[in-house]
């Protein structure tokens, strides 16, 4: 399917999560194997974790904002569709009442007894 192909191309959210997780793991391992003092290494690890946390939080808030905007738009479109459908149903009911009252059309409307 076309949609599945788009996600396989690297544009999906799983790619970003994998990229961030790989970067965090690589940075952590690199720091662990680098020749440094314990205090300096722990400080660097804490800074890296904090930086990755900020990036992840920023991405989350951007995505949450985009999803909220899409949901708001969907709700507005849904309300518009419902209003139009109600208007069409109301017009149909008025036309049906008018059509049923005209003597020339009354014979054309099948009765319940004739339908069964």
Foldseek 3Di string as FASTA:
>chain_A
DVVVVVVVVQPDPVNVVVVLVVVLVVVLVVLVPDDDDPVVSVVVNVVSVVVSVVVVVVVVVVVVVVVVVVVVVVVVVVVVVVVVVVVVVVVVVVVVVVQCPDPVNVVVDDDPVVVD
